[in-house]
């Protein structure tokens, strides 16, 4: 089976690999010098530089936050124009803190030569903070009553 090179197919293949837990396809989906921007004020919020940092540290670092076998990823839609693809997906799981993680996410992917070169991901970061990082200062209300 050949590896897709058109941007929409590359992104769909990647999201399906995340859904299926296919680490080889996940790694193969990224260019060596790819970037992933996760905006916000969370411990994972930054621009992740390079395939290894994205796959091992960012994506791989999120795995321990979830109870094994509970993650459900579903691709909702994609829109493609040129080398850019906007993908919307849902992510549901049980966290190790006992909370139900249920988020709707959107990523803007740039694909060149059959590999993802950049991603900007948007999600409900308040929900991420509350369910995945309950001890993070940004996940608790501040101020007096």
N, C-alpha and C. Protein backbone atom coordinates (compact mmCIF):
# COMPACT_ATOMS: atom_id res chain seq x y z
N UNK A 1 0.84 -1.17 0.00
CA UNK A 1 0.00 0.00 0.00
C UNK A 1 0.88 1.24 0.00
N UNK A 2 0.60 2.18 -0.86
CA UNK A 2 1.42 3.38 -0.95
C UNK A 2 1.00 4.40 0.10
N UNK A 3 1.95 5.22 0.49
CA UNK A 3 1.70 6.28 1.45
C UNK A 3 1.11 7.47 0.71
N UNK A 4 -0.01 8.03 1.21
CA UNK A 4 -0.63 9.16 0.52
C UNK A 4 0.27 10.40 0.58
N UNK A 5 0.15 11.24 -0.44
CA UNK A 5 0.91 12.48 -0.46
C UNK A 5 0.03 13.72 -0.52
N UNK A 6 -1.25 13.57 -0.93
CA UNK A 6 -2.09 14.77 -0.97
C UNK A 6 -2.41 15.17 0.46
N UNK A 7 -2.41 16.47 0.74
CA UNK A 7 -2.53 16.94 2.13
C UNK A 7 -3.72 16.38 2.90
N UNK A 8 -4.91 16.37 2.34
CA UNK A 8 -6.08 15.86 3.08
C UNK A 8 -5.87 14.40 3.48
N UNK A 9 -5.40 13.57 2.56
CA UNK A 9 -5.19 12.15 2.86
C UNK A 9 -4.11 11.95 3.91
N UNK A 10 -3.08 12.78 3.89
CA UNK A 10 -2.01 12.68 4.90
C UNK A 10 -2.58 12.95 6.29
N UNK A 11 -3.41 13.99 6.41
CA UNK A 11 -3.97 14.35 7.71
C UNK A 11 -4.97 13.28 8.17
N UNK A 12 -5.81 12.80 7.27
CA UNK A 12 -6.76 11.75 7.64
C UNK A 12 -6.01 10.51 8.10
N UNK A 13 -4.97 10.13 7.39
CA UNK A 13 -4.16 8.97 7.78
C UNK A 13 -3.56 9.17 9.17
N UNK A 14 -3.08 10.37 9.45
CA UNK A 14 -2.50 10.67 10.75
C UNK A 14 -3.56 10.55 11.87
N UNK A 15 -4.71 11.20 11.69
CA UNK A 15 -5.75 11.16 12.73
C UNK A 15 -6.22 9.73 12.95
N UNK A 16 -6.37 8.96 11.88
CA UNK A 16 -6.76 7.56 12.03
C UNK A 16 -5.68 6.75 12.76
N UNK A 17 -4.41 7.09 12.53
CA UNK A 17 -3.32 6.41 13.24
C UNK A 17 -3.37 6.73 14.73
N UNK A 18 -3.69 7.97 15.07
CA UNK A 18 -3.85 8.32 16.49
C UNK A 18 -5.01 7.53 17.08
N UNK A 19 -6.12 7.50 16.37
CA UNK A 19 -7.29 6.73 16.82
C UNK A 19 -6.94 5.26 17.05
N UNK A 20 -6.14 4.69 16.13
CA UNK A 20 -5.82 3.27 16.17
C UNK A 20 -4.58 2.94 17.01
N UNK A 21 -3.88 3.97 17.49
CA UNK A 21 -2.66 3.74 18.26
C UNK A 21 -1.50 3.22 17.43
N UNK A 22 -1.43 3.62 16.17
CA UNK A 22 -0.38 3.14 15.26
C UNK A 22 0.83 4.08 15.32
N UNK A 23 1.74 3.79 16.23
CA UNK A 23 2.89 4.66 16.48
C UNK A 23 3.77 4.85 15.25
N UNK A 24 3.93 3.82 14.44
CA UNK A 24 4.78 3.93 13.25
C UNK A 24 4.21 4.93 12.25
N UNK A 25 2.90 4.87 12.01
CA UNK A 25 2.28 5.80 11.07
C UNK A 25 2.28 7.21 11.66
N UNK A 26 2.05 7.33 12.95
CA UNK A 26 2.10 8.66 13.58
C UNK A 26 3.46 9.29 13.33
N UNK A 27 4.53 8.57 13.63
CA UNK A 27 5.88 9.10 13.43
C UNK A 27 6.14 9.41 11.95
N UNK A 28 5.72 8.51 11.08
CA UNK A 28 5.94 8.67 9.65
C UNK A 28 5.16 9.86 9.06
N UNK A 29 4.14 10.31 9.76
CA UNK A 29 3.30 11.40 9.25
C UNK A 29 3.99 12.76 9.31
N UNK A 30 5.02 12.91 10.14
CA UNK A 30 5.64 14.20 10.36
C UNK A 30 6.99 14.34 9.65
N UNK A 31 7.23 15.55 9.14
CA UNK A 31 8.55 15.90 8.64
C UNK A 31 9.49 15.99 9.84
N UNK A 32 10.76 15.75 9.62
CA UNK A 32 11.73 15.76 10.71
C UNK A 32 11.75 17.09 11.44
N UNK A 33 11.55 18.20 10.72
CA UNK A 33 11.62 19.53 11.32
C UNK A 33 10.24 20.15 11.57
N UNK A 34 9.23 19.32 11.70
CA UNK A 34 7.86 19.80 11.91
C UNK A 34 7.75 20.59 13.22
N UNK A 35 6.68 21.41 13.29
CA UNK A 35 6.36 22.12 14.52
C UNK A 35 4.90 21.87 14.87
N UNK A 36 4.60 21.93 16.17
CA UNK A 36 3.22 21.81 16.66
C UNK A 36 3.03 22.90 17.70
N UNK A 37 2.13 23.81 17.42
CA UNK A 37 1.84 24.93 18.31
C UNK A 37 0.57 24.60 19.09
N UNK A 38 0.71 24.51 20.43
CA UNK A 38 -0.44 24.28 21.30
C UNK A 38 -0.57 25.52 22.18
N UNK A 39 -1.39 26.49 21.75
CA UNK A 39 -1.51 27.75 22.48
C UNK A 39 -2.16 27.56 23.85
N UNK A 40 -1.98 28.54 24.69
CA UNK A 40 -2.63 28.54 25.99
C UNK A 40 -1.65 28.71 27.12
N UNK A 41 -2.13 28.41 28.32
CA UNK A 41 -1.35 28.56 29.54
C UNK A 41 -1.35 27.24 30.31
N UNK A 42 -0.94 26.20 29.64
CA UNK A 42 -0.90 24.87 30.23
C UNK A 42 0.54 24.36 30.24
N UNK A 43 0.82 23.34 31.00
CA UNK A 43 2.18 22.78 30.98
C UNK A 43 2.62 22.32 29.59
N UNK A 44 1.67 21.99 28.70
CA UNK A 44 2.01 21.54 27.35
C UNK A 44 1.92 22.65 26.30
N UNK A 45 1.56 23.86 26.73
CA UNK A 45 1.40 24.98 25.79
C UNK A 45 2.75 25.55 25.40
N UNK A 46 3.06 25.40 24.14
CA UNK A 46 4.30 25.94 23.57
C UNK A 46 4.34 25.52 22.10
N UNK A 47 5.37 25.93 21.41
CA UNK A 47 5.61 25.42 20.06
C UNK A 47 6.61 24.28 20.21
N UNK A 48 6.14 23.08 19.89
CA UNK A 48 6.98 21.89 19.94
C UNK A 48 7.77 21.82 18.64
N UNK A 49 9.08 21.70 18.73
CA UNK A 49 9.97 21.75 17.57
C UNK A 49 10.54 20.37 17.24
N UNK A 50 10.27 19.89 16.03
CA UNK A 50 10.86 18.64 15.57
C UNK A 50 9.98 17.43 15.81
N UNK A 51 10.07 16.47 14.88
CA UNK A 51 9.27 15.25 14.95
C UNK A 51 9.44 14.52 16.29
N UNK A 52 10.66 14.38 16.76
CA UNK A 52 10.89 13.63 18.00
C UNK A 52 10.20 14.31 19.18
N UNK A 53 10.30 15.62 19.28
CA UNK A 53 9.65 16.34 20.39
C UNK A 53 8.14 16.22 20.29
N UNK A 54 7.62 16.32 19.07
CA UNK A 54 6.16 16.22 18.89
C UNK A 54 5.67 14.82 19.27
N UNK A 55 6.29 13.81 18.69
CA UNK A 55 5.82 12.43 18.88
C UNK A 55 6.15 11.91 20.28
N UNK A 56 7.36 12.09 20.73
CA UNK A 56 7.79 11.51 22.00
C UNK A 56 7.34 12.32 23.21
N UNK A 57 7.55 13.63 23.15
CA UNK A 57 7.33 14.46 24.33
C UNK A 57 5.90 15.01 24.41
N UNK A 58 5.40 15.60 23.32
CA UNK A 58 4.06 16.18 23.36
C UNK A 58 2.99 15.09 23.28
N UNK A 59 2.90 14.40 22.16
CA UNK A 59 1.87 13.37 22.01
C UNK A 59 2.09 12.23 23.00
N UNK A 60 3.31 11.73 23.07
CA UNK A 60 3.62 10.63 23.99
C UNK A 60 3.47 11.03 25.44
N UNK A 61 3.74 12.28 25.75
CA UNK A 61 3.63 12.76 27.12
C UNK A 61 2.19 12.88 27.60
N UNK A 62 1.24 12.95 26.66
CA UNK A 62 -0.17 13.06 27.04
C UNK A 62 -0.77 11.71 27.39
N UNK A 63 -0.22 10.64 26.86
CA UNK A 63 -0.76 9.30 27.09
C UNK A 63 -0.94 8.93 28.55
N UNK A 64 0.05 9.18 29.41
CA UNK A 64 -0.08 8.81 30.81
C UNK A 64 -1.20 9.55 31.56
N UNK A 65 -1.78 10.58 30.97
CA UNK A 65 -2.88 11.32 31.61
C UNK A 65 -4.20 10.57 31.51
N UNK A 66 -4.24 9.54 30.66
CA UNK A 66 -5.49 8.82 30.40
C UNK A 66 -5.41 7.37 30.88
N UNK A 67 -6.55 6.85 31.29
CA UNK A 67 -6.63 5.44 31.64
C UNK A 67 -6.44 4.64 30.34
N UNK A 68 -5.50 3.70 30.32
CA UNK A 68 -5.26 2.93 29.09
C UNK A 68 -6.54 2.28 28.56
N UNK A 69 -6.69 2.35 27.24
CA UNK A 69 -7.82 1.71 26.58
C UNK A 69 -9.11 2.52 26.57
N UNK A 70 -9.08 3.74 27.14
CA UNK A 70 -10.32 4.54 27.18
C UNK A 70 -10.38 5.63 26.12
N UNK A 71 -9.27 5.91 25.44
CA UNK A 71 -9.24 7.00 24.47
C UNK A 71 -10.05 6.65 23.23
N UNK A 72 -10.92 7.57 22.84
CA UNK A 72 -11.70 7.46 21.61
C UNK A 72 -11.50 8.73 20.80
N UNK A 73 -10.97 8.59 19.60
CA UNK A 73 -10.76 9.71 18.69
C UNK A 73 -11.69 9.52 17.50
N UNK A 74 -12.39 10.59 17.12
CA UNK A 74 -13.26 10.51 15.95
C UNK A 74 -13.06 11.76 15.10
N UNK A 75 -12.71 11.55 13.85
CA UNK A 75 -12.57 12.65 12.91
C UNK A 75 -13.97 13.14 12.53
N UNK A 76 -14.22 14.43 12.69
CA UNK A 76 -15.52 15.02 12.40
C UNK A 76 -15.56 15.53 10.97
N UNK A 77 -14.51 16.30 10.58
CA UNK A 77 -14.49 16.86 9.22
C UNK A 77 -13.09 17.35 8.88
N UNK A 78 -12.88 17.53 7.58
CA UNK A 78 -11.66 18.17 7.08
C UNK A 78 -12.03 19.13 5.97
N UNK A 79 -11.26 20.19 5.86
CA UNK A 79 -11.36 21.14 4.77
C UNK A 79 -9.94 21.38 4.28
N UNK A 80 -9.72 21.24 2.99
CA UNK A 80 -8.37 21.38 2.46
C UNK A 80 -8.32 22.44 1.37
N UNK A 81 -7.25 23.19 1.39
CA UNK A 81 -6.96 24.15 0.32
C UNK A 81 -5.45 24.21 0.15
N UNK A 82 -4.99 23.78 -0.99
CA UNK A 82 -3.55 23.75 -1.24
C UNK A 82 -2.86 22.81 -0.26
N UNK A 83 -1.82 23.31 0.41
CA UNK A 83 -1.07 22.47 1.34
C UNK A 83 -1.59 22.55 2.77
N UNK A 84 -2.71 23.26 2.97
CA UNK A 84 -3.28 23.41 4.32
C UNK A 84 -4.58 22.62 4.47
N UNK A 85 -4.69 21.97 5.63
CA UNK A 85 -5.87 21.17 5.94
C UNK A 85 -6.34 21.56 7.34
N UNK A 86 -7.61 21.84 7.44
CA UNK A 86 -8.22 22.06 8.75
C UNK A 86 -8.98 20.78 9.10
N UNK A 87 -8.64 20.20 10.23
CA UNK A 87 -9.28 18.97 10.69
C UNK A 87 -9.94 19.22 12.04
N UNK A 88 -11.16 18.71 12.18
CA UNK A 88 -11.88 18.77 13.44
C UNK A 88 -12.08 17.34 13.92
N UNK A 89 -11.82 17.12 15.22
CA UNK A 89 -12.00 15.79 15.78
C UNK A 89 -12.49 15.90 17.22
N UNK A 90 -13.04 14.79 17.70
CA UNK A 90 -13.40 14.70 19.11
C UNK A 90 -12.44 13.74 19.78
N UNK A 91 -12.18 14.00 21.05
CA UNK A 91 -11.33 13.14 21.86
C UNK A 91 -12.05 12.91 23.18
N UNK A 92 -12.25 11.64 23.50
CA UNK A 92 -12.94 11.27 24.74
C UNK A 92 -12.13 10.18 25.43
N UNK A 93 -12.05 10.28 26.76
CA UNK A 93 -11.33 9.29 27.54
C UNK A 93 -11.62 9.51 29.01
N UNK A 94 -11.19 8.55 29.81
CA UNK A 94 -11.20 8.71 31.26
C UNK A 94 -9.79 9.08 31.67
N UNK A 95 -9.68 10.12 32.50
CA UNK A 95 -8.35 10.55 32.94
C UNK A 95 -7.92 9.75 34.17
N UNK A 96 -6.63 9.78 34.45
CA UNK A 96 -6.12 9.09 35.63
C UNK A 96 -6.60 9.76 36.91
N UNK A 97 -7.16 10.97 36.81
CA UNK A 97 -7.73 11.66 37.96
C UNK A 97 -9.20 11.28 38.17
N UNK A 98 -9.73 10.42 37.26
CA UNK A 98 -11.11 9.97 37.38
C UNK A 98 -12.12 10.84 36.68
N UNK A 99 -11.67 11.86 35.98
CA UNK A 99 -12.58 12.75 35.24
C UNK A 99 -12.84 12.20 33.84
N UNK A 100 -13.92 12.65 33.26
CA UNK A 100 -14.24 12.30 31.87
C UNK A 100 -13.71 13.43 30.99
N UNK A 101 -12.74 13.09 30.14
CA UNK A 101 -12.22 14.04 29.16
C UNK A 101 -13.09 13.94 27.93
N UNK A 102 -13.64 15.06 27.48
CA UNK A 102 -14.53 15.09 26.31
C UNK A 102 -14.32 16.44 25.64
N UNK A 103 -13.49 16.45 24.61
CA UNK A 103 -13.11 17.71 23.99
C UNK A 103 -13.30 17.65 22.48
N UNK A 104 -13.59 18.78 21.92
CA UNK A 104 -13.69 18.94 20.47
C UNK A 104 -12.50 19.79 20.07
N UNK A 105 -11.70 19.31 19.13
CA UNK A 105 -10.44 19.94 18.78
C UNK A 105 -10.41 20.31 17.31
N UNK A 106 -9.57 21.29 17.00
CA UNK A 106 -9.40 21.72 15.62
C UNK A 106 -7.91 21.93 15.39
N UNK A 107 -7.40 21.39 14.30
CA UNK A 107 -6.00 21.58 13.96
C UNK A 107 -5.87 22.14 12.56
N UNK A 108 -4.96 23.09 12.41
CA UNK A 108 -4.62 23.61 11.09
C UNK A 108 -3.27 23.01 10.74
N UNK A 109 -3.28 22.13 9.76
CA UNK A 109 -2.10 21.37 9.34
C UNK A 109 -1.54 21.94 8.05
N UNK A 110 -0.23 22.00 7.96
CA UNK A 110 0.44 22.27 6.69
C UNK A 110 1.18 21.00 6.31
N UNK A 111 0.98 20.58 5.05
CA UNK A 111 1.57 19.33 4.57
C UNK A 111 2.39 19.63 3.32
N UNK A 112 3.62 19.15 3.32
CA UNK A 112 4.49 19.29 2.15
C UNK A 112 5.19 17.96 1.90
N UNK A 113 5.24 17.57 0.64
CA UNK A 113 5.92 16.33 0.25
C UNK A 113 5.42 15.13 1.05
N UNK A 114 4.11 15.09 1.33
CA UNK A 114 3.51 13.95 1.99
C UNK A 114 3.73 13.86 3.49
N UNK A 115 4.27 14.92 4.11
CA UNK A 115 4.52 14.94 5.55
C UNK A 115 3.94 16.20 6.16
N UNK A 116 3.48 16.09 7.39
CA UNK A 116 2.98 17.25 8.13
C UNK A 116 4.19 18.07 8.56
N UNK A 117 4.18 19.35 8.19
CA UNK A 117 5.30 20.23 8.55
C UNK A 117 4.95 21.18 9.69
N UNK A 118 3.65 21.46 9.87
CA UNK A 118 3.26 22.29 11.01
C UNK A 118 1.81 22.04 11.37
N UNK A 119 1.54 22.24 12.66
CA UNK A 119 0.18 22.12 13.20
C UNK A 119 -0.02 23.25 14.19
N UNK A 120 -1.18 23.86 14.14
CA UNK A 120 -1.66 24.74 15.21
C UNK A 120 -2.94 24.10 15.70
N UNK A 121 -2.98 23.73 16.98
CA UNK A 121 -4.14 23.04 17.53
C UNK A 121 -4.92 23.95 18.46
N UNK A 122 -6.23 23.92 18.31
CA UNK A 122 -7.13 24.67 19.18
C UNK A 122 -8.07 23.69 19.87
N UNK A 123 -8.28 23.89 21.15
CA UNK A 123 -9.18 23.04 21.93
C UNK A 123 -9.69 23.87 23.10
N UNK A 124 -10.61 23.31 23.85
CA UNK A 124 -11.09 23.96 25.06
C UNK A 124 -10.02 23.78 26.13
N UNK A 125 -9.11 24.74 26.23
CA UNK A 125 -7.99 24.61 27.15
C UNK A 125 -8.43 24.66 28.62
N UNK A 126 -9.56 25.30 28.89
CA UNK A 126 -10.08 25.28 30.26
C UNK A 126 -10.45 23.83 30.65
N UNK A 127 -11.10 23.13 29.74
CA UNK A 127 -11.44 21.72 29.98
C UNK A 127 -10.17 20.88 30.12
N UNK A 128 -9.20 21.12 29.26
CA UNK A 128 -7.93 20.38 29.34
C UNK A 128 -7.29 20.61 30.70
N UNK A 129 -7.24 21.88 31.13
CA UNK A 129 -6.64 22.20 32.43
C UNK A 129 -7.39 21.51 33.57
N UNK A 130 -8.70 21.60 33.55
CA UNK A 130 -9.51 21.04 34.63
C UNK A 130 -9.39 19.52 34.73
N UNK A 131 -9.39 18.85 33.58
CA UNK A 131 -9.41 17.38 33.60
C UNK A 131 -8.03 16.73 33.57
N UNK A 132 -7.07 17.35 32.90
CA UNK A 132 -5.75 16.73 32.76
C UNK A 132 -4.69 17.32 33.68
N UNK A 133 -4.86 18.59 34.04
CA UNK A 133 -3.86 19.27 34.87
C UNK A 133 -4.54 19.95 36.05
N UNK A 134 -5.25 19.20 36.91
CA UNK A 134 -6.03 19.83 37.97
C UNK A 134 -5.18 20.62 38.98
N UNK A 135 -3.90 20.34 39.06
CA UNK A 135 -3.04 21.06 40.00
C UNK A 135 -2.37 22.28 39.38
N UNK A 136 -2.58 22.50 38.08
CA UNK A 136 -1.99 23.64 37.38
C UNK A 136 -2.75 24.91 37.77
N UNK A 137 -2.04 25.98 38.06
CA UNK A 137 -2.65 27.23 38.53
C UNK A 137 -3.71 27.74 37.57
N UNK A 138 -3.53 27.54 36.25
CA UNK A 138 -4.48 28.05 35.28
C UNK A 138 -5.79 27.29 35.26
N UNK A 139 -5.88 26.16 35.98
CA UNK A 139 -7.10 25.36 35.92
C UNK A 139 -8.06 25.68 37.06
N UNK A 140 -7.62 26.54 38.00
CA UNK A 140 -8.48 26.88 39.13
C UNK A 140 -8.91 28.33 39.03
N UNK A 141 -10.14 28.63 39.46
CA UNK A 141 -10.58 30.02 39.49
C UNK A 141 -9.70 30.81 40.47
N UNK A 142 -9.48 32.06 40.15
CA UNK A 142 -8.69 32.92 41.04
C UNK A 142 -9.55 34.09 41.47
N UNK A 143 -9.09 34.79 42.46
CA UNK A 143 -9.82 35.96 42.95
C UNK A 143 -10.58 35.64 44.21
N UNK A 144 -11.09 36.69 44.83
CA UNK A 144 -11.80 36.52 46.09
C UNK A 144 -13.28 36.45 45.89
N UNK A 145 -13.97 36.02 46.92
CA UNK A 145 -15.42 35.93 46.86
C UNK A 145 -16.06 37.03 47.67
